[in-house]
Amino acid sequence: MPIDRVEPLSLPDVQLITPKRFGDGRGTFAETYKASDFEAHGLPTVWVQDNMSYTADRGVFRGLHYQAPPHAQGKLVTVISGAIMDVAVDLRADSPTFGQACTVELSEENGRQVYVPRGFAHGFLTLTPDVRVHYKADREYAPASEGGLPWNDPDLGVQLPDLGVPVQTSDKDAQWEPWASFKTPFVDGLL
């Protein structure tokens, strides 16, 4: 099996996936997705959209984004180059971890992936310059269902490393409503 291990993060539905890497003098090889292995680990096997982002600078935060039901997305996140601090926030009203955040470092070097299920906001901070992030989504992007939260909202308590540079974000991401006035669309099991 090409998956070395799957382990829950501090939000147990968010899963850290470590694919097996095979290497020799030429470099390395890893299977980053194989339906039968994902199924054997209880992970999703149907993906309908692939996305890739490039960020030139370190200290850029993308997110925290989500899509409301019925277009909520689960994501499988992989770093192709560079390194990020990946962040997930539980938005499911009936969850014991509602409003809590977890973080994990993903990098080209460590080769780990994270599965962020539906019902979570997702984002990341670039830890290096020249970062390429690839992620699979289990539903197509629907602009009218897009939402977000400010990455630096103190009520969320997102713990990020101090990179010694001001965090940059998009104008859109700087304008999301704060957690204190947020009304989750993930109620009564809606995902």
Protein backbone atom coordinates (compact mmCIF):
# COMPACT_ATOMS: atom_id res chain seq x y z
CA MET A 1 0.00 0.00 0.00
CA PRO A 2 1.52 3.38 -0.93
CA ILE A 3 0.03 5.15 2.11
CA ASP A 4 2.49 4.93 4.98
CA ARG A 5 -0.01 6.20 7.58
CA VAL A 6 -3.19 8.19 8.14
CA GLU A 7 -3.60 9.99 11.45
CA PRO A 8 -6.15 12.45 12.84
CA LEU A 9 -5.06 15.96 13.73
CA SER A 10 -6.35 17.80 16.82
CA LEU A 11 -9.67 18.04 14.95
CA PRO A 12 -10.12 14.30 14.45
CA ASP A 13 -12.05 14.50 11.16
CA VAL A 14 -9.11 16.32 9.56
CA GLN A 15 -6.68 13.61 8.50
CA LEU A 16 -2.92 13.82 7.93
CA ILE A 17 -1.87 11.44 5.17
CA THR A 18 1.75 10.37 4.72
CA PRO A 19 2.30 8.61 1.39
CA LYS A 20 5.20 6.16 1.12
CA ARG A 21 8.10 7.65 -0.78
CA PHE A 22 10.48 5.61 -2.86
CA GLY A 23 13.82 7.14 -3.73
CA ASP A 24 17.09 6.55 -5.47
CA GLY A 25 19.83 8.67 -7.00
CA ARG A 26 17.34 10.24 -9.43
CA GLY A 27 14.98 11.56 -6.76
CA THR A 28 11.72 10.29 -5.26
CA PHE A 29 8.37 8.84 -6.28
CA ALA A 30 5.10 8.70 -4.34
CA GLU A 31 1.52 7.78 -5.17
CA THR A 32 -0.44 10.79 -3.89
CA TYR A 33 -3.83 9.30 -4.66
CA LYS A 34 -4.98 5.76 -5.34
CA ALA A 35 -8.69 5.05 -4.92
CA SER A 36 -8.27 1.57 -3.43
CA ASP A 37 -5.82 2.80 -0.78
CA PHE A 38 -7.98 5.78 0.13
CA GLU A 39 -11.00 3.52 0.41
CA ALA A 40 -9.07 1.09 2.64
CA HIS A 41 -8.32 4.01 5.02
CA GLY A 42 -11.92 5.30 5.01
CA LEU A 43 -11.03 8.38 2.94
CA PRO A 44 -13.04 9.77 0.01
CA THR A 45 -12.40 8.31 -3.41
CA VAL A 46 -14.43 10.60 -5.68
CA TRP A 47 -12.83 13.91 -6.67
CA VAL A 48 -14.40 16.19 -9.29
CA GLN A 49 -12.09 19.21 -9.46
CA ASP A 50 -8.34 19.78 -9.17
CA ASN A 51 -6.91 23.22 -8.29
CA MET A 52 -3.40 24.63 -8.10
CA SER A 53 -2.24 27.87 -6.55
CA TYR A 54 1.12 29.60 -6.82
CA THR A 55 2.27 32.14 -4.24
CA ALA A 56 5.50 34.05 -4.86
CA ASP A 57 6.14 35.38 -1.35
CA ARG A 58 6.43 33.86 2.09
CA GLY A 59 4.05 35.21 4.71
CA VAL A 60 0.94 35.15 2.50
CA PHE A 61 -2.28 33.77 3.98
CA ARG A 62 -4.88 32.33 1.56
CA GLY A 63 -8.28 31.67 3.17
CA LEU A 64 -10.02 30.82 5.45
CA HIS A 65 -12.51 29.70 2.78
CA TYR A 66 -15.49 27.37 2.70
CA GLN A 67 -18.45 26.64 0.45
CA ALA A 68 -21.90 26.48 2.02
CA PRO A 69 -24.25 23.54 1.46
CA PRO A 70 -25.31 22.16 -0.91
CA HIS A 71 -21.93 22.94 -2.52
CA ALA A 72 -19.68 22.23 0.48
CA GLN A 73 -16.31 20.82 -0.49
CA GLY A 74 -13.95 18.30 1.01
CA LYS A 75 -10.33 18.88 -0.03
CA LEU A 76 -7.17 16.83 -0.36
CA VAL A 77 -4.25 19.27 -0.06
CA THR A 78 -0.71 18.60 -1.30
CA VAL A 79 2.28 20.97 -1.49
CA ILE A 80 4.17 20.63 -4.77
CA SER A 81 6.92 23.14 -3.94
CA GLY A 82 7.84 25.14 -0.86
CA ALA A 83 6.10 24.86 2.52
CA ILE A 84 2.86 26.00 4.17
CA MET A 85 1.15 25.99 7.53
CA ASP A 86 -2.23 24.49 6.64
CA VAL A 87 -5.26 25.53 8.71
CA ALA A 88 -8.72 24.00 9.15
CA VAL A 89 -11.58 25.38 11.28
CA ASP A 90 -14.60 23.26 12.22
CA LEU A 91 -17.82 25.04 11.15
CA ARG A 92 -20.27 22.19 11.89
CA ALA A 93 -22.77 23.43 14.48
CA ASP A 94 -23.37 19.96 15.98
CA SER A 95 -19.66 19.09 16.28
CA PRO A 96 -17.90 18.90 19.67
CA THR A 97 -15.00 20.79 18.05
CA PHE A 98 -17.18 23.57 16.54
CA GLY A 99 -15.16 26.79 16.20
CA GLN A 100 -11.82 25.11 16.86
CA ALA A 101 -8.82 25.28 14.54
CA CYS A 102 -5.96 22.94 13.79
CA THR A 103 -2.72 23.47 11.90
CA VAL A 104 -0.13 21.24 10.27
CA GLU A 105 2.97 21.94 8.21
CA LEU A 106 2.91 20.55 4.69
CA SER A 107 5.92 20.82 2.43
CA GLU A 108 7.58 19.53 -0.68
CA GLU A 109 10.18 18.04 1.65
CA ASN A 110 7.89 16.14 4.05
CA GLY A 111 5.49 15.02 1.28
CA ARG A 112 2.49 14.89 3.63
CA GLN A 113 -1.08 15.66 2.59
CA VAL A 114 -4.12 16.74 4.56
CA TYR A 115 -7.74 15.79 4.03
CA VAL A 116 -10.13 18.57 5.09
CA PRO A 117 -13.74 17.31 5.03
CA ARG A 118 -16.89 19.23 4.19
CA GLY A 119 -18.02 21.55 6.96
CA PHE A 120 -14.62 23.13 7.57
CA ALA A 121 -13.04 26.44 6.56
CA HIS A 122 -9.60 25.99 5.04
CA GLY A 123 -6.59 28.18 4.42
CA PHE A 124 -2.82 28.28 4.58
CA LEU A 125 0.16 30.51 5.33
CA THR A 126 3.17 30.29 3.01
CA LEU A 127 6.33 29.56 5.00
CA THR A 128 8.67 29.88 2.03
CA PRO A 129 8.68 31.77 -1.26
CA ASP A 130 7.60 30.07 -4.49
CA VAL A 131 4.86 27.86 -3.06
CA ARG A 132 2.71 25.65 -5.24
CA VAL A 133 -0.29 23.97 -3.62
CA HIS A 134 -2.43 21.38 -5.38
CA TYR A 135 -5.75 20.30 -4.00
CA LYS A 136 -8.52 18.01 -5.09
CA ALA A 137 -12.14 18.89 -4.29
CA ASP A 138 -15.07 16.51 -4.02
CA ARG A 139 -17.54 19.09 -5.38
CA GLU A 140 -17.16 21.77 -8.01
CA TYR A 141 -16.59 25.38 -7.03
CA ALA A 142 -19.85 27.37 -6.80
CA PRO A 143 -19.16 31.13 -6.46
CA ALA A 144 -22.56 31.91 -4.90
CA SER A 145 -21.82 29.46 -2.04
CA GLU A 146 -18.41 30.89 -1.16
CA GLY A 147 -17.74 32.17 2.33
CA GLY A 148 -14.84 32.82 4.64
CA LEU A 149 -13.50 33.94 7.98
CA PRO A 150 -10.62 36.27 8.87
CA TRP A 151 -7.47 34.20 9.47
CA ASN A 152 -6.43 36.47 12.35
CA ASP A 153 -9.74 36.51 14.26
CA PRO A 154 -8.73 36.14 17.94
CA ASP A 155 -11.88 34.11 18.67
CA LEU A 156 -10.60 31.36 16.35
CA GLY A 157 -7.18 31.17 17.99
CA VAL A 158 -5.33 30.09 14.86
CA GLN A 159 -1.70 29.51 15.88
CA LEU A 160 0.74 30.51 13.15
CA PRO A 161 4.52 30.83 13.30
CA ASP A 162 6.04 34.32 13.42
CA LEU A 163 7.91 34.66 10.15
CA GLY A 164 9.25 38.12 10.95
CA VAL A 165 7.28 39.67 8.09
CA PRO A 166 3.77 41.14 8.02
CA VAL A 167 1.17 38.61 6.86
CA GLN A 168 -0.29 39.50 3.46
CA THR A 169 -3.77 38.52 2.36
CA SER A 170 -6.17 39.48 -0.41
CA ASP A 171 -8.58 42.39 -0.03
CA LYS A 172 -11.46 39.89 -0.19
CA ASP A 173 -10.01 37.71 2.57
CA ALA A 174 -9.46 40.75 4.78
CA GLN A 175 -13.19 41.60 4.61
CA TRP A 176 -14.82 38.40 5.92
CA GLU A 177 -17.18 38.82 8.88
CA PRO A 178 -15.70 37.98 12.31
CA TRP A 179 -16.44 34.77 14.17
CA ALA A 180 -18.53 36.66 16.77
CA SER A 181 -21.18 37.44 14.12
CA PHE A 182 -20.71 34.31 11.99
CA LYS A 183 -23.80 32.16 11.39
CA THR A 184 -22.72 28.72 10.27
CA PRO A 185 -24.53 27.20 7.28
CA PHE A 186 -23.48 23.73 8.50
CA VAL A 187 -26.47 22.95 10.71
CA ASP A 188 -28.57 19.81 11.23
CA GLY A 189 -26.03 17.64 9.44
CA LEU A 190 -26.10 19.74 6.24
CA LEU A 191 -22.92 19.20 4.29
